[in-house]
Amino acid sequence: MTTVTPELLTVPEVMARLRLGRSTVYDLIRSRRLISITVGRSRRIPADALRDFINRVIEEAA
């Protein structure tokens, strides 16, 4: 069985995946460490952008 990952994630989905609070996720977006787009009035984070962010954080920690 395969799991399909949506291409665009909501802020609550990113919060759950990173185990971070809402304000921290929005701070990452504001500081442009986490790329996001606006669709209508909704903020969405591309799944690739989340993976890139995680990889950058891992590289910085090494």
N, C-alpha and C. Protein backbone atom coordinates (compact mmCIF):
# COMPACT_ATOMS: atom_id res chain seq x y z
N MET A 1 0.85 -1.18 0.00
CA MET A 1 0.00 0.00 0.00
C MET A 1 0.89 1.24 0.00
N THR A 2 0.61 2.19 -0.88
CA THR A 2 1.39 3.41 -0.96
C THR A 2 0.60 4.57 -0.39
N THR A 3 1.32 5.52 0.18
CA THR A 3 0.70 6.72 0.71
C THR A 3 0.98 7.86 -0.25
N VAL A 4 -0.07 8.60 -0.60
CA VAL A 4 0.07 9.73 -1.51
C VAL A 4 0.29 10.99 -0.67
N THR A 5 1.36 11.72 -0.95
CA THR A 5 1.65 12.97 -0.27
C THR A 5 1.10 14.11 -1.12
N PRO A 6 0.26 14.95 -0.53
CA PRO A 6 -0.25 16.08 -1.31
C PRO A 6 0.90 17.01 -1.69
N GLU A 7 0.79 17.62 -2.85
CA GLU A 7 1.84 18.53 -3.33
C GLU A 7 1.89 19.81 -2.51
N LEU A 8 0.74 20.31 -2.05
CA LEU A 8 0.68 21.53 -1.26
C LEU A 8 0.15 21.20 0.13
N LEU A 9 0.88 21.60 1.14
CA LEU A 9 0.52 21.31 2.53
C LEU A 9 -0.03 22.57 3.20
N THR A 10 -0.95 22.38 4.11
CA THR A 10 -1.45 23.50 4.91
C THR A 10 -0.49 23.76 6.06
N VAL A 11 -0.63 24.90 6.69
CA VAL A 11 0.20 25.23 7.84
C VAL A 11 -0.01 24.20 8.96
N PRO A 12 -1.25 23.80 9.28
CA PRO A 12 -1.41 22.78 10.32
C PRO A 12 -0.74 21.44 9.97
N GLU A 13 -0.72 21.08 8.69
CA GLU A 13 -0.03 19.85 8.29
C GLU A 13 1.47 19.97 8.50
N VAL A 14 2.03 21.14 8.18
CA VAL A 14 3.46 21.37 8.39
C VAL A 14 3.76 21.39 9.89
N MET A 15 2.90 22.01 10.67
CA MET A 15 3.06 22.03 12.12
C MET A 15 3.15 20.60 12.66
N ALA A 16 2.27 19.74 12.20
CA ALA A 16 2.25 18.36 12.67
C ALA A 16 3.51 17.61 12.24
N ARG A 17 3.93 17.81 11.01
CA ARG A 17 5.12 17.09 10.51
C ARG A 17 6.39 17.52 11.21
N LEU A 18 6.51 18.83 11.49
CA LEU A 18 7.71 19.34 12.14
C LEU A 18 7.60 19.34 13.67
N ARG A 19 6.38 19.11 14.15
CA ARG A 19 6.10 19.18 15.60
C ARG A 19 6.49 20.54 16.16
N LEU A 20 6.05 21.58 15.44
CA LEU A 20 6.29 22.96 15.84
C LEU A 20 4.96 23.68 15.98
N GLY A 21 4.99 24.80 16.69
CA GLY A 21 3.80 25.61 16.86
C GLY A 21 3.51 26.47 15.65
N ARG A 22 2.30 26.98 15.62
CA ARG A 22 1.83 27.81 14.51
C ARG A 22 2.72 29.04 14.30
N SER A 23 3.03 29.75 15.39
CA SER A 23 3.83 30.97 15.24
C SER A 23 5.24 30.66 14.74
N THR A 24 5.80 29.53 15.13
CA THR A 24 7.13 29.16 14.66
C THR A 24 7.11 28.88 13.17
N VAL A 25 6.08 28.19 12.69
CA VAL A 25 5.98 27.91 11.25
C VAL A 25 5.82 29.22 10.48
N TYR A 26 4.98 30.13 10.98
CA TYR A 26 4.82 31.41 10.29
C TYR A 26 6.10 32.23 10.35
N ASP A 27 6.88 32.12 11.44
CA ASP A 27 8.18 32.81 11.52
C ASP A 27 9.13 32.26 10.45
N LEU A 28 9.13 30.95 10.24
CA LEU A 28 9.96 30.35 9.20
C LEU A 28 9.56 30.85 7.83
N ILE A 29 8.25 31.00 7.61
CA ILE A 29 7.75 31.50 6.33
C ILE A 29 8.15 32.97 6.17
N ARG A 30 7.95 33.78 7.21
CA ARG A 30 8.28 35.20 7.15
C ARG A 30 9.76 35.43 6.88
N SER A 31 10.61 34.61 7.49
CA SER A 31 12.06 34.76 7.32
C SER A 31 12.56 34.11 6.03
N ARG A 32 11.64 33.52 5.28
CA ARG A 32 11.93 32.87 3.99
C ARG A 32 12.82 31.64 4.13
N ARG A 33 12.86 31.06 5.32
CA ARG A 33 13.57 29.79 5.49
C ARG A 33 12.71 28.65 4.98
N LEU A 34 11.37 28.86 4.99
CA LEU A 34 10.42 27.88 4.49
C LEU A 34 9.59 28.57 3.41
N ILE A 35 9.68 28.08 2.20
CA ILE A 35 8.99 28.69 1.07
C ILE A 35 7.50 28.35 1.12
N SER A 36 6.67 29.33 0.81
CA SER A 36 5.23 29.11 0.77
C SER A 36 4.62 29.92 -0.36
N ILE A 37 3.40 29.58 -0.70
CA ILE A 37 2.65 30.33 -1.71
C ILE A 37 1.28 30.65 -1.13
N THR A 38 0.63 31.62 -1.73
CA THR A 38 -0.72 31.97 -1.33
C THR A 38 -1.67 31.57 -2.44
N VAL A 39 -2.69 30.82 -2.08
CA VAL A 39 -3.73 30.42 -3.02
C VAL A 39 -5.02 31.03 -2.48
N GLY A 40 -5.49 32.06 -3.18
CA GLY A 40 -6.63 32.80 -2.64
C GLY A 40 -6.18 33.48 -1.36
N ARG A 41 -6.84 33.15 -0.25
CA ARG A 41 -6.44 33.69 1.05
C ARG A 41 -5.74 32.64 1.90
N SER A 42 -5.42 31.51 1.30
CA SER A 42 -4.83 30.40 2.05
C SER A 42 -3.33 30.30 1.78
N ARG A 43 -2.58 30.02 2.82
CA ARG A 43 -1.13 29.82 2.71
C ARG A 43 -0.87 28.33 2.53
N ARG A 44 -0.06 27.98 1.54
CA ARG A 44 0.28 26.58 1.28
C ARG A 44 1.79 26.45 1.15
N ILE A 45 2.30 25.31 1.62
CA ILE A 45 3.72 25.03 1.56
C ILE A 45 3.91 23.84 0.62
N PRO A 46 4.65 24.02 -0.47
CA PRO A 46 4.92 22.89 -1.36
C PRO A 46 5.68 21.79 -0.60
N ALA A 47 5.31 20.54 -0.85
CA ALA A 47 5.95 19.41 -0.17
C ALA A 47 7.45 19.41 -0.43
N ASP A 48 7.87 19.78 -1.63
CA ASP A 48 9.30 19.85 -1.94
C ASP A 48 10.01 20.90 -1.09
N ALA A 49 9.34 22.02 -0.83
CA ALA A 49 9.93 23.08 -0.02
C ALA A 49 10.14 22.60 1.41
N LEU A 50 9.20 21.80 1.92
CA LEU A 50 9.34 21.25 3.27
C LEU A 50 10.52 20.29 3.33
N ARG A 51 10.63 19.42 2.32
CA ARG A 51 11.76 18.48 2.27
C ARG A 51 13.09 19.24 2.18
N ASP A 52 13.14 20.29 1.35
CA ASP A 52 14.36 21.10 1.23
C ASP A 52 14.72 21.75 2.56
N PHE A 53 13.72 22.28 3.25
CA PHE A 53 13.95 22.90 4.56
C PHE A 53 14.54 21.88 5.54
N ILE A 54 13.95 20.71 5.61
CA ILE A 54 14.44 19.67 6.52
C ILE A 54 15.87 19.30 6.18
N ASN A 55 16.17 19.13 4.89
CA ASN A 55 17.54 18.78 4.47
C ASN A 55 18.53 19.87 4.84
N ARG A 56 18.14 21.15 4.67
CA ARG A 56 19.02 22.26 5.04
C ARG A 56 19.31 22.27 6.53
N VAL A 57 18.29 22.03 7.34
CA VAL A 57 18.47 22.02 8.79
C VAL A 57 19.40 20.87 9.19
N ILE A 58 19.24 19.73 8.56
CA ILE A 58 20.12 18.59 8.85
C ILE A 58 21.56 18.91 8.48
N GLU A 59 21.76 19.53 7.31
CA GLU A 59 23.11 19.91 6.87
C GLU A 59 23.74 20.94 7.80
N GLU A 60 22.94 21.91 8.27
CA GLU A 60 23.45 22.93 9.20
C GLU A 60 23.86 22.31 10.52
N ALA A 61 23.15 21.28 10.95
CA ALA A 61 23.44 20.65 12.24
C ALA A 61 24.67 19.76 12.18
N ALA A 62 25.05 19.32 10.98
CA ALA A 62 26.19 18.41 10.84
C ALA A 62 27.51 19.12 10.94
